[in-house]
Amino acid sequence: MLYEKVSITPESLIITRWNKSQHFMMPMHFHDEYELIYIEKSFGTRYVGDSIKPFKEGDLVLVGSKLPHTWQNNEIFIENPATHPVRAVVIQFGLDFVSYLNRFPEFQYISNMLELAQRGITFSDKVAQRNRKALIQLPDAKYGFHRLISILTLLHNLASDKGSSLLASSSFQNIDKESSLNRITQTLDYIAQNYTQKLTLDDIASKFNMSISAFSNFFKRKTGKTVINYINELRISEACKLLSQTDKNIAEVAFECGFNNLSNFNRTFKGVTSKTPKEYRLLWSSSS
C-alpha cells in the first residue's frame, strides 16, 4: 500500500483536476488530504477501506484523510483505450481547509460530513446528477473567490444528501503514514498475491508467526472483517472482472478465482454483490 504525497499549492488549499487517462493506474493508496471523486466516464471496481463495490458512470465518493482507496478498471479500458477512456473529476483539500471549516457553526453540516468521510461516503445518483455541472466545471475554474464559493456550495449540497451511505465498516481503522509498512499491510499484500490459490487461515497465520486465534483477532480488529470474508470478497472482485471482461463460463470463473465448489461460489457471489453471477454479467454487458 502506498502513501501519496499530495502537493497543495500556495495559491489554494484545494486542488481540482481532471483525470483523463486510458485507465485508473493508482494502486491501493492513502494520503492526508480528503478527496472527492466523480466518475464522468468509466466503470470497474472501487476499493475504499474494507469496502469492495462496483462503480459506474455518475459515481460520486468522498474519501477521508488516510483512508486507503483505489479505483480499478476492467480490462476493456486497457485493451480499447480509444473507445473506453477514463474521465473523472478529482477534488482534494487539505487538513488546513477542514480545520478552517470546523471553526464556524455555519459549516456544521459540512464538518459532520467530513467526519463521516473517515469511512468513505458514496452519494446518491440523484444528488450526483444534480451537482454534475458544478463538478465538471471546477477543474477549469480560476482560483479565487467564486471558485471557493462553488466548492463550499457543492460540499453543502452533498452534506444535505439523505440518500448517501458509508462505505468502510465501523470497525475499520485508517492507516497512519508511519505504519504504512506494518504487519497488516504486509498481510493484505500477501493475501492479494495468493487469494486465487488454496489459502487457509493456518497458512496465513504461520506466515506471520502467529497462532490462528491471535491472527484472527488481529485481522478482525484492523479490517473489521474475518479473514475468510476478506478473501472471499477479493475472490468475488476478481470474478466480477472475469465475468465482465471475458466469455469464460461461470464454472471456469469460479475455479479460477479460488473456489473449488460452484454452489459455494454462487452463494458467496450473491452475498457480496446482491446478484447472481449471471445477473452481474448481464448488468455489465449492458453498461459497456
C-alpha atoms as a PDB file:
ATOM      1  CA  MET A   1       0.000   0.000   0.000  1.00  0.00           C
ATOM      2  CA  LEU A   2       1.349   3.395  -0.992  1.00  0.00           C
ATOM      3  CA  TYR A   3       1.420   6.728   0.805  1.00  0.00           C
ATOM      4  CA  GLU A   4       0.758   9.526  -1.695  1.00  0.00           C
ATOM      5  CA  LYS A   5       2.198  12.951  -1.044  1.00  0.00           C
ATOM      6  CA  VAL A   6      -0.287  15.491  -2.398  1.00  0.00           C
ATOM      7  CA  SER A   7       1.180  18.903  -3.190  1.00  0.00           C
ATOM      8  CA  ILE A   8      -1.263  21.559  -2.058  1.00  0.00           C
ATOM      9  CA  THR A   9      -0.228  24.732  -3.882  1.00  0.00           C
ATOM     10  CA  PRO A  10       0.268  28.134  -2.207  1.00  0.00           C
ATOM     11  CA  GLU A  11      -2.464  29.567  -4.440  1.00  0.00           C
ATOM     12  CA  SER A  12      -5.182  27.430  -2.869  1.00  0.00           C
ATOM     13  CA  LEU A  13      -5.891  24.873  -0.167  1.00  0.00           C
ATOM     14  CA  ILE A  14      -7.910  22.921  -2.737  1.00  0.00           C
ATOM     15  CA  ILE A  15      -6.775  21.031  -5.854  1.00  0.00           C
ATOM     16  CA  THR A  16      -9.283  20.426  -8.655  1.00  0.00           C
ATOM     17  CA  ARG A  17      -8.321  18.459 -11.752  1.00  0.00           C
ATOM     18  CA  TRP A  18      -9.458  16.081 -14.443  1.00  0.00           C
ATOM     19  CA  ASN A  19      -8.196  12.509 -14.503  1.00  0.00           C
ATOM     20  CA  LYS A  20      -8.173  11.759 -18.217  1.00  0.00           C
ATOM     21  CA  SER A  21      -6.329   8.538 -18.962  1.00  0.00           C
ATOM     22  CA  GLN A  22      -6.638   5.118 -20.539  1.00  0.00           C
ATOM     23  CA  HIS A  23      -7.469   3.577 -17.183  1.00  0.00           C
ATOM     24  CA  PHE A  24      -7.096   4.188 -13.459  1.00  0.00           C
ATOM     25  CA  MET A  25      -3.462   3.425 -12.638  1.00  0.00           C
ATOM     26  CA  MET A  26      -3.010   4.263  -8.944  1.00  0.00           C
ATOM     27  CA  PRO A  27      -2.787   1.133  -6.730  1.00  0.00           C
ATOM     28  CA  MET A  28      -4.260   0.963  -3.238  1.00  0.00           C
ATOM     29  CA  HIS A  29      -3.015   4.111  -1.505  1.00  0.00           C
ATOM     30  CA  PHE A  30      -3.797   6.761   1.098  1.00  0.00           C
ATOM     31  CA  HIS A  31      -2.948  10.408   1.747  1.00  0.00           C
ATOM     32  CA  ASP A  32      -3.511  13.081   4.371  1.00  0.00           C
ATOM     33  CA  GLU A  33      -5.922  15.039   2.184  1.00  0.00           C
ATOM     34  CA  TYR A  34      -9.660  14.485   1.703  1.00  0.00           C
ATOM     35  CA  GLU A  35     -10.635  13.516  -1.828  1.00  0.00           C
ATOM     36  CA  LEU A  36     -13.880  13.817  -3.777  1.00  0.00           C
ATOM     37  CA  ILE A  37     -14.042  11.701  -6.945  1.00  0.00           C
ATOM     38  CA  TYR A  38     -16.747  12.000  -9.614  1.00  0.00           C
ATOM     39  CA  ILE A  39     -16.791   9.401 -12.415  1.00  0.00           C
ATOM     40  CA  GLU A  40     -17.819  11.069 -15.657  1.00  0.00           C
ATOM     41  CA  LYS A  41     -16.867   8.077 -17.812  1.00  0.00           C
ATOM     42  CA  SER A  42     -15.585   4.711 -16.551  1.00  0.00           C
ATOM     43  CA  PHE A  43     -16.630   1.562 -14.735  1.00  0.00           C
ATOM     44  CA  GLY A  44     -14.978  -1.197 -12.734  1.00  0.00           C
ATOM     45  CA  THR A  45     -14.405  -1.992  -9.056  1.00  0.00           C
ATOM     46  CA  ARG A  46     -13.992   0.519  -6.238  1.00  0.00           C
ATOM     47  CA  TYR A  47     -11.995  -0.209  -3.068  1.00  0.00           C
ATOM     48  CA  VAL A  48     -12.449   2.104  -0.068  1.00  0.00           C
ATOM     49  CA  GLY A  49     -11.156   0.808   3.266  1.00  0.00           C
ATOM     50  CA  ASP A  50     -12.622  -2.684   3.548  1.00  0.00           C
ATOM     51  CA  SER A  51     -15.448  -1.901   1.097  1.00  0.00           C
ATOM     52  CA  ILE A  52     -15.279  -3.550  -2.340  1.00  0.00           C
ATOM     53  CA  LYS A  53     -18.050  -2.424  -4.700  1.00  0.00           C
ATOM     54  CA  PRO A  54     -18.639  -1.930  -8.444  1.00  0.00           C
ATOM     55  CA  PHE A  55     -18.627   1.641  -9.746  1.00  0.00           C
ATOM     56  CA  LYS A  56     -20.107   3.154 -12.885  1.00  0.00           C
ATOM     57  CA  GLU A  57     -20.577   6.490 -14.622  1.00  0.00           C
ATOM     58  CA  GLY A  58     -22.064   9.052 -12.247  1.00  0.00           C
ATOM     59  CA  ASP A  59     -20.397   7.503  -9.186  1.00  0.00           C
ATOM     60  CA  LEU A  60     -19.540  10.185  -6.591  1.00  0.00           C
ATOM     61  CA  VAL A  61     -17.471   9.329  -3.495  1.00  0.00           C
ATOM     62  CA  LEU A  62     -15.814  11.317  -0.700  1.00  0.00           C
ATOM     63  CA  VAL A  63     -12.719   9.707   0.853  1.00  0.00           C
ATOM     64  CA  GLY A  64     -11.446  10.860   4.247  1.00  0.00           C
ATOM     65  CA  SER A  65      -7.898  11.536   5.393  1.00  0.00           C
ATOM     66  CA  LYS A  66      -5.631   8.460   5.462  1.00  0.00           C
ATOM     67  CA  LEU A  67      -8.421   6.180   4.211  1.00  0.00           C
ATOM     68  CA  PRO A  68      -6.959   3.564   1.791  1.00  0.00           C
ATOM     69  CA  HIS A  69      -8.666   3.535  -1.611  1.00  0.00           C
ATOM     70  CA  THR A  70      -8.311   2.742  -5.288  1.00  0.00           C
ATOM     71  CA  TRP A  71     -10.471   2.511  -8.407  1.00  0.00           C
ATOM     72  CA  GLN A  72      -9.731  -0.358 -10.816  1.00  0.00           C
ATOM     73  CA  ASN A  73     -10.990  -0.634 -14.369  1.00  0.00           C
ATOM     74  CA  ASN A  74     -11.999  -3.676 -16.322  1.00  0.00           C
ATOM     75  CA  GLU A  75      -9.515  -4.930 -18.912  1.00  0.00           C
ATOM     76  CA  ILE A  76     -11.552  -3.407 -21.742  1.00  0.00           C
ATOM     77  CA  PHE A  77     -10.243   0.036 -20.719  1.00  0.00           C
ATOM     78  CA  ILE A  78      -6.687  -1.193 -21.206  1.00  0.00           C
ATOM     79  CA  GLU A  79      -7.361  -3.113 -24.410  1.00  0.00           C
ATOM     80  CA  ASN A  80      -9.571  -0.457 -26.060  1.00  0.00           C
ATOM     81  CA  PRO A  81      -8.471   2.956 -24.740  1.00  0.00           C
ATOM     82  CA  ALA A  82      -9.879   4.793 -27.753  1.00  0.00           C
ATOM     83  CA  THR A  83     -13.433   3.624 -27.082  1.00  0.00           C
ATOM     84  CA  HIS A  84     -13.152   3.295 -23.290  1.00  0.00           C
ATOM     85  CA  PRO A  85     -11.245   6.284 -21.852  1.00  0.00           C
ATOM     86  CA  VAL A  86     -11.388   7.349 -18.227  1.00  0.00           C
ATOM     87  CA  ARG A  87     -12.790  10.777 -17.364  1.00  0.00           C
ATOM     88  CA  ALA A  88     -13.059  11.648 -13.694  1.00  0.00           C
ATOM     89  CA  VAL A  89     -13.082  14.846 -11.652  1.00  0.00           C
ATOM     90  CA  VAL A  90     -10.772  14.772  -8.626  1.00  0.00           C
ATOM     91  CA  ILE A  91     -11.033  17.380  -5.860  1.00  0.00           C
ATOM     92  CA  GLN A  92      -8.525  17.272  -2.994  1.00  0.00           C
ATOM     93  CA  PHE A  93      -8.425  19.539   0.047  1.00  0.00           C
ATOM     94  CA  GLY A  94      -6.033  19.511   2.958  1.00  0.00           C
ATOM     95  CA  LEU A  95      -6.426  19.376   6.697  1.00  0.00           C
ATOM     96  CA  ASP A  96      -5.937  23.150   6.985  1.00  0.00           C
ATOM     97  CA  PHE A  97      -9.080  23.697   4.921  1.00  0.00           C
ATOM     98  CA  VAL A  98     -11.026  21.230   7.072  1.00  0.00           C
ATOM     99  CA  SER A  99      -9.735  22.911  10.245  1.00  0.00           C
ATOM    100  CA  TYR A 100     -10.902  26.264   8.894  1.00  0.00           C
ATOM    101  CA  LEU A 101     -14.427  24.963   8.242  1.00  0.00           C
ATOM    102  CA  ASN A 102     -14.622  23.463  11.717  1.00  0.00           C
ATOM    103  CA  ARG A 103     -14.249  26.918  13.287  1.00  0.00           C
ATOM    104  CA  PHE A 104     -17.607  28.176  12.017  1.00  0.00           C
ATOM    105  CA  PRO A 105     -21.041  26.863  13.073  1.00  0.00           C
ATOM    106  CA  GLU A 106     -22.351  27.822   9.627  1.00  0.00           C
ATOM    107  CA  PHE A 107     -20.362  24.885   8.202  1.00  0.00           C
ATOM    108  CA  GLN A 108     -21.574  22.359  10.778  1.00  0.00           C
ATOM    109  CA  TYR A 109     -23.277  20.121   8.205  1.00  0.00           C
ATOM    110  CA  ILE A 110     -20.136  20.033   6.095  1.00  0.00           C
ATOM    111  CA  SER A 111     -17.975  19.344   9.164  1.00  0.00           C
ATOM    112  CA  ASN A 112     -20.223  16.448  10.132  1.00  0.00           C
ATOM    113  CA  MET A 113     -19.955  15.017   6.628  1.00  0.00           C
ATOM    114  CA  LEU A 114     -16.161  15.287   6.659  1.00  0.00           C
ATOM    115  CA  GLU A 115     -16.037  13.410   9.937  1.00  0.00           C
ATOM    116  CA  LEU A 116     -18.130  10.599   8.441  1.00  0.00           C
ATOM    117  CA  ALA A 117     -15.844  10.605   5.391  1.00  0.00           C
ATOM    118  CA  GLN A 118     -13.265   8.760   7.511  1.00  0.00           C
ATOM    119  CA  ARG A 119     -15.237   5.697   6.438  1.00  0.00           C
ATOM    120  CA  GLY A 120     -15.839   6.954   2.894  1.00  0.00           C
ATOM    121  CA  ILE A 121     -19.196   8.235   1.632  1.00  0.00           C
ATOM    122  CA  THR A 122     -20.974   7.364  -1.599  1.00  0.00           C
ATOM    123  CA  PHE A 123     -23.655   9.837  -2.651  1.00  0.00           C
ATOM    124  CA  SER A 124     -27.000   9.096  -4.241  1.00  0.00           C
ATOM    125  CA  ASP A 125     -27.316   9.082  -8.025  1.00  0.00           C
ATOM    126  CA  LYS A 126     -29.908  11.865  -7.757  1.00  0.00           C
ATOM    127  CA  VAL A 127     -27.596  14.240  -5.870  1.00  0.00           C
ATOM    128  CA  ALA A 128     -24.586  13.334  -8.014  1.00  0.00           C
ATOM    129  CA  GLN A 129     -26.517  14.124 -11.177  1.00  0.00           C
ATOM    130  CA  ARG A 130     -27.884  17.378  -9.702  1.00  0.00           C
ATOM    131  CA  ASN A 131     -24.338  18.564  -8.961  1.00  0.00           C
ATOM    132  CA  ARG A 132     -22.712  17.201 -12.127  1.00  0.00           C
ATOM    133  CA  LYS A 133     -22.445  20.578 -13.849  1.00  0.00           C
ATOM    134  CA  ALA A 134     -20.684  22.166 -10.865  1.00  0.00           C
ATOM    135  CA  LEU A 135     -18.323  19.198 -10.584  1.00  0.00           C
ATOM    136  CA  ILE A 136     -17.179  19.172 -14.204  1.00  0.00           C
ATOM    137  CA  GLN A 137     -16.692  22.954 -14.237  1.00  0.00           C
ATOM    138  CA  LEU A 138     -14.408  23.078 -11.191  1.00  0.00           C
ATOM    139  CA  PRO A 139     -11.163  21.741 -12.778  1.00  0.00           C
ATOM    140  CA  ASP A 140     -11.141  24.648 -15.226  1.00  0.00           C
ATOM    141  CA  ALA A 141     -12.331  27.322 -12.788  1.00  0.00           C
ATOM    142  CA  LYS A 142      -9.944  30.154 -11.982  1.00  0.00           C
ATOM    143  CA  TYR A 143      -8.546  30.450  -8.478  1.00  0.00           C
ATOM    144  CA  GLY A 144     -10.347  32.995  -6.385  1.00  0.00           C
ATOM    145  CA  PHE A 145     -13.497  33.900  -4.514  1.00  0.00           C
ATOM    146  CA  HIS A 146     -16.056  32.462  -6.957  1.00  0.00           C
ATOM    147  CA  ARG A 147     -14.222  29.120  -7.150  1.00  0.00           C
ATOM    148  CA  LEU A 148     -14.197  28.851  -3.361  1.00  0.00           C
ATOM    149  CA  ILE A 149     -17.908  29.666  -3.168  1.00  0.00           C
ATOM    150  CA  SER A 150     -18.616  26.986  -5.794  1.00  0.00           C
ATOM    151  CA  ILE A 151     -16.714  24.400  -3.754  1.00  0.00           C
ATOM    152  CA  LEU A 152     -18.447  25.343  -0.494  1.00  0.00           C
ATOM    153  CA  THR A 153     -21.837  25.219  -2.221  1.00  0.00           C
ATOM    154  CA  LEU A 154     -21.008  21.796  -3.629  1.00  0.00           C
ATOM    155  CA  LEU A 155     -19.962  20.469  -0.208  1.00  0.00           C
ATOM    156  CA  HIS A 156     -23.114  21.906   1.367  1.00  0.00           C
ATOM    157  CA  ASN A 157     -25.274  20.170  -1.259  1.00  0.00           C
ATOM    158  CA  LEU A 158     -23.519  16.859  -0.667  1.00  0.00           C
ATOM    159  CA  ALA A 159     -23.827  17.189   3.116  1.00  0.00           C
ATOM    160  CA  SER A 160     -27.604  17.520   2.642  1.00  0.00           C
ATOM    161  CA  ASP A 161     -27.869  14.230   0.720  1.00  0.00           C
ATOM    162  CA  LYS A 162     -30.177  11.959   2.732  1.00  0.00           C
ATOM    163  CA  GLY A 163     -29.517   9.120   0.291  1.00  0.00           C
ATOM    164  CA  SER A 164     -25.769   8.918   0.931  1.00  0.00           C
ATOM    165  CA  SER A 165     -24.225   5.858   2.583  1.00  0.00           C
ATOM    166  CA  LEU A 166     -20.970   4.934   4.313  1.00  0.00           C
ATOM    167  CA  LEU A 167     -18.537   2.526   2.698  1.00  0.00           C
ATOM    168  CA  ALA A 168     -15.949   1.121   5.130  1.00  0.00           C
ATOM    169  CA  SER A 169     -17.218  -0.792   8.153  1.00  0.00           C
ATOM    170  CA  SER A 170     -17.415   0.952  11.533  1.00  0.00           C
ATOM    171  CA  SER A 171     -14.523  -1.130  12.869  1.00  0.00           C
ATOM    172  CA  PHE A 172     -12.168  -0.378  10.000  1.00  0.00           C
ATOM    173  CA  GLN A 173      -9.084   1.513  11.179  1.00  0.00           C
ATOM    174  CA  ASN A 174      -7.422   4.076   8.959  1.00  0.00           C
ATOM    175  CA  ILE A 175      -3.684   3.710   8.424  1.00  0.00           C
ATOM    176  CA  ASP A 176      -1.216   6.336   9.622  1.00  0.00           C
ATOM    177  CA  LYS A 177       1.680   7.319   7.386  1.00  0.00           C
ATOM    178  CA  GLU A 178       4.188   5.919   9.888  1.00  0.00           C
ATOM    179  CA  SER A 179       2.557   2.496   9.945  1.00  0.00           C
ATOM    180  CA  SER A 180       2.095   2.052   6.201  1.00  0.00           C
ATOM    181  CA  LEU A 181       4.546  -0.866   6.180  1.00  0.00           C
ATOM    182  CA  ASN A 182       3.266  -2.539   9.318  1.00  0.00           C
ATOM    183  CA  ARG A 183       2.058  -6.093   9.751  1.00  0.00           C
ATOM    184  CA  ILE A 184      -1.480  -5.533   8.464  1.00  0.00           C
ATOM    185  CA  THR A 185      -0.161  -4.011   5.248  1.00  0.00           C
ATOM    186  CA  GLN A 186       2.170  -6.967   4.752  1.00  0.00           C
ATOM    187  CA  THR A 187      -0.725  -9.315   5.485  1.00  0.00           C
ATOM    188  CA  LEU A 188      -3.016  -7.661   2.955  1.00  0.00           C
ATOM    189  CA  ASP A 189      -0.253  -7.738   0.348  1.00  0.00           C
ATOM    190  CA  TYR A 190       0.325 -11.450   0.982  1.00  0.00           C
ATOM    191  CA  ILE A 191      -3.379 -12.230   0.638  1.00  0.00           C
ATOM    192  CA  ALA A 192      -3.601 -10.124  -2.538  1.00  0.00           C
ATOM    193  CA  GLN A 193      -0.827 -12.186  -4.109  1.00  0.00           C
ATOM    194  CA  ASN A 194      -2.282 -15.561  -3.153  1.00  0.00           C
ATOM    195  CA  TYR A 195      -6.068 -15.314  -2.832  1.00  0.00           C
ATOM    196  CA  THR A 196      -6.780 -17.139  -6.105  1.00  0.00           C
ATOM    197  CA  GLN A 197      -4.883 -20.166  -4.787  1.00  0.00           C
ATOM    198  CA  LYS A 198      -5.772 -22.517  -1.956  1.00  0.00           C
ATOM    199  CA  LEU A 199      -5.263 -20.293   1.069  1.00  0.00           C
ATOM    200  CA  THR A 200      -6.133 -21.283   4.618  1.00  0.00           C
ATOM    201  CA  LEU A 201      -6.211 -19.341   7.850  1.00  0.00           C
ATOM    202  CA  ASP A 202      -3.450 -21.585   9.172  1.00  0.00           C
ATOM    203  CA  ASP A 203      -1.259 -20.778   6.133  1.00  0.00           C
ATOM    204  CA  ILE A 204      -1.501 -17.018   6.705  1.00  0.00           C
ATOM    205  CA  ALA A 205      -1.122 -17.158  10.491  1.00  0.00           C
ATOM    206  CA  SER A 206       2.001 -19.328  10.137  1.00  0.00           C
ATOM    207  CA  LYS A 207       3.425 -16.938   7.560  1.00  0.00           C
ATOM    208  CA  PHE A 208       3.387 -14.165  10.178  1.00  0.00           C
ATOM    209  CA  ASN A 209       4.388 -16.376  13.131  1.00  0.00           C
ATOM    210  CA  MET A 210       1.060 -16.029  14.926  1.00  0.00           C
ATOM    211  CA  SER A 211      -1.431 -18.515  16.308  1.00  0.00           C
ATOM    212  CA  ILE A 212      -4.697 -18.851  14.419  1.00  0.00           C
ATOM    213  CA  SER A 213      -6.632 -17.295  17.302  1.00  0.00           C
ATOM    214  CA  ALA A 214      -4.258 -14.329  17.711  1.00  0.00           C
ATOM    215  CA  PHE A 215      -4.100 -13.700  13.976  1.00  0.00           C
ATOM    216  CA  SER A 216      -7.891 -13.875  13.570  1.00  0.00           C
ATOM    217  CA  ASN A 217      -8.428 -11.334  16.352  1.00  0.00           C
ATOM    218  CA  PHE A 218      -5.691  -9.071  14.957  1.00  0.00           C
ATOM    219  CA  PHE A 219      -7.118  -9.157  11.428  1.00  0.00           C
ATOM    220  CA  LYS A 220     -10.697  -8.516  12.548  1.00  0.00           C
ATOM    221  CA  ARG A 221      -9.581  -5.618  14.734  1.00  0.00           C
ATOM    222  CA  LYS A 222      -7.676  -3.960  11.880  1.00  0.00           C
ATOM    223  CA  THR A 223     -10.082  -4.550   8.981  1.00  0.00           C
ATOM    224  CA  GLY A 224     -13.477  -5.136  10.569  1.00  0.00           C
ATOM    225  CA  LYS A 225     -13.750  -8.420   8.638  1.00  0.00           C
ATOM    226  CA  THR A 226     -12.891 -12.032   9.240  1.00  0.00           C
ATOM    227  CA  VAL A 227     -10.021 -13.410   7.166  1.00  0.00           C
ATOM    228  CA  ILE A 228     -12.361 -15.709   5.232  1.00  0.00           C
ATOM    229  CA  ASN A 229     -14.814 -12.913   4.430  1.00  0.00           C
ATOM    230  CA  TYR A 230     -11.980 -10.675   3.271  1.00  0.00           C
ATOM    231  CA  ILE A 231     -10.536 -13.379   0.993  1.00  0.00           C
ATOM    232  CA  ASN A 232     -13.977 -14.171  -0.398  1.00  0.00           C
ATOM    233  CA  GLU A 233     -14.572 -10.501  -1.243  1.00  0.00           C
ATOM    234  CA  LEU A 234     -11.266 -10.341  -3.103  1.00  0.00           C
ATOM    235  CA  ARG A 235     -12.180 -13.501  -4.984  1.00  0.00           C
ATOM    236  CA  ILE A 236     -15.601 -12.128  -5.862  1.00  0.00           C
ATOM    237  CA  SER A 237     -13.995  -8.877  -7.033  1.00  0.00           C
ATOM    238  CA  GLU A 238     -11.773 -10.888  -9.374  1.00  0.00           C
ATOM    239  CA  ALA A 239     -14.804 -12.881 -10.500  1.00  0.00           C
ATOM    240  CA  CYS A 240     -16.592  -9.614 -11.337  1.00  0.00           C
ATOM    241  CA  LYS A 241     -13.700  -8.665 -13.621  1.00  0.00           C
ATOM    242  CA  LEU A 242     -13.709 -12.023 -15.379  1.00  0.00           C
ATOM    243  CA  LEU A 243     -17.481 -12.026 -15.808  1.00  0.00           C
ATOM    244  CA  SER A 244     -17.428  -8.542 -17.338  1.00  0.00           C
ATOM    245  CA  GLN A 245     -14.252  -8.888 -19.398  1.00  0.00           C
ATOM    246  CA  THR A 246     -14.237 -12.454 -20.705  1.00  0.00           C
ATOM    247  CA  ASP A 247     -16.534 -15.081 -22.174  1.00  0.00           C
ATOM    248  CA  LYS A 248     -15.464 -17.731 -19.668  1.00  0.00           C
ATOM    249  CA  ASN A 249     -18.382 -19.702 -18.281  1.00  0.00           C
ATOM    250  CA  ILE A 250     -19.373 -19.273 -14.654  1.00  0.00           C
ATOM    251  CA  ALA A 251     -17.766 -22.535 -13.526  1.00  0.00           C
ATOM    252  CA  GLU A 252     -14.430 -21.535 -15.090  1.00  0.00           C
ATOM    253  CA  VAL A 253     -14.604 -18.153 -13.376  1.00  0.00           C
ATOM    254  CA  ALA A 254     -15.352 -19.767 -10.026  1.00  0.00           C
ATOM    255  CA  PHE A 255     -12.386 -22.132 -10.118  1.00  0.00           C
ATOM    256  CA  GLU A 256     -10.002 -19.519 -11.491  1.00  0.00           C
ATOM    257  CA  CYS A 257     -10.850 -17.221  -8.564  1.00  0.00           C
ATOM    258  CA  GLY A 258     -10.072 -19.859  -5.940  1.00  0.00           C
ATOM    259  CA  PHE A 259     -13.459 -21.500  -5.352  1.00  0.00           C
ATOM    260  CA  ASN A 260     -13.499 -25.300  -5.589  1.00  0.00           C
ATOM    261  CA  ASN A 261     -17.269 -25.591  -5.298  1.00  0.00           C
ATOM    262  CA  LEU A 262     -19.683 -23.959  -7.754  1.00  0.00           C
ATOM    263  CA  SER A 263     -22.626 -23.776  -5.363  1.00  0.00           C
ATOM    264  CA  ASN A 264     -20.420 -22.091  -2.751  1.00  0.00           C
ATOM    265  CA  PHE A 265     -19.248 -19.603  -5.398  1.00  0.00           C
ATOM    266  CA  ASN A 266     -22.828 -18.752  -6.426  1.00  0.00           C
ATOM    267  CA  ARG A 267     -23.898 -18.329  -2.796  1.00  0.00           C
ATOM    268  CA  THR A 268     -20.871 -16.189  -1.881  1.00  0.00           C
ATOM    269  CA  PHE A 269     -21.167 -14.077  -5.049  1.00  0.00           C
ATOM    270  CA  LYS A 270     -24.768 -13.169  -4.317  1.00  0.00           C
ATOM    271  CA  GLY A 271     -23.924 -12.458  -0.692  1.00  0.00           C
ATOM    272  CA  VAL A 272     -21.280  -9.910  -1.723  1.00  0.00           C
ATOM    273  CA  THR A 273     -22.906  -8.301  -4.790  1.00  0.00           C
ATOM    274  CA  SER A 274     -26.636  -8.982  -4.161  1.00  0.00           C
ATOM    275  CA  LYS A 275     -26.733 -10.509  -7.648  1.00  0.00           C
ATOM    276  CA  THR A 276     -26.122 -13.924  -9.122  1.00  0.00           C
ATOM    277  CA  PRO A 277     -23.075 -14.287 -11.422  1.00  0.00           C
ATOM    278  CA  LYS A 278     -25.425 -14.449 -14.413  1.00  0.00           C
ATOM    279  CA  GLU A 279     -27.256 -11.281 -13.392  1.00  0.00           C
ATOM    280  CA  TYR A 280     -23.955  -9.470 -12.842  1.00  0.00           C
ATOM    281  CA  ARG A 281     -22.670 -10.428 -16.300  1.00  0.00           C
ATOM    282  CA  LEU A 282     -25.833  -9.116 -17.914  1.00  0.00           C
ATOM    283  CA  LEU A 283     -25.582  -5.841 -15.933  1.00  0.00           C
ATOM    284  CA  TRP A 284     -22.039  -5.056 -17.033  1.00  0.00           C
ATOM    285  CA  SER A 285     -22.659  -6.206 -20.605  1.00  0.00           C
ATOM    286  CA  SER A 286     -25.353  -3.549 -20.859  1.00  0.00           C
ATOM    287  CA  SER A 287     -23.060  -0.932 -19.230  1.00  0.00           C
ATOM    288  CA  SER A 288     -20.312  -1.436 -21.787  1.00  0.00           C
END
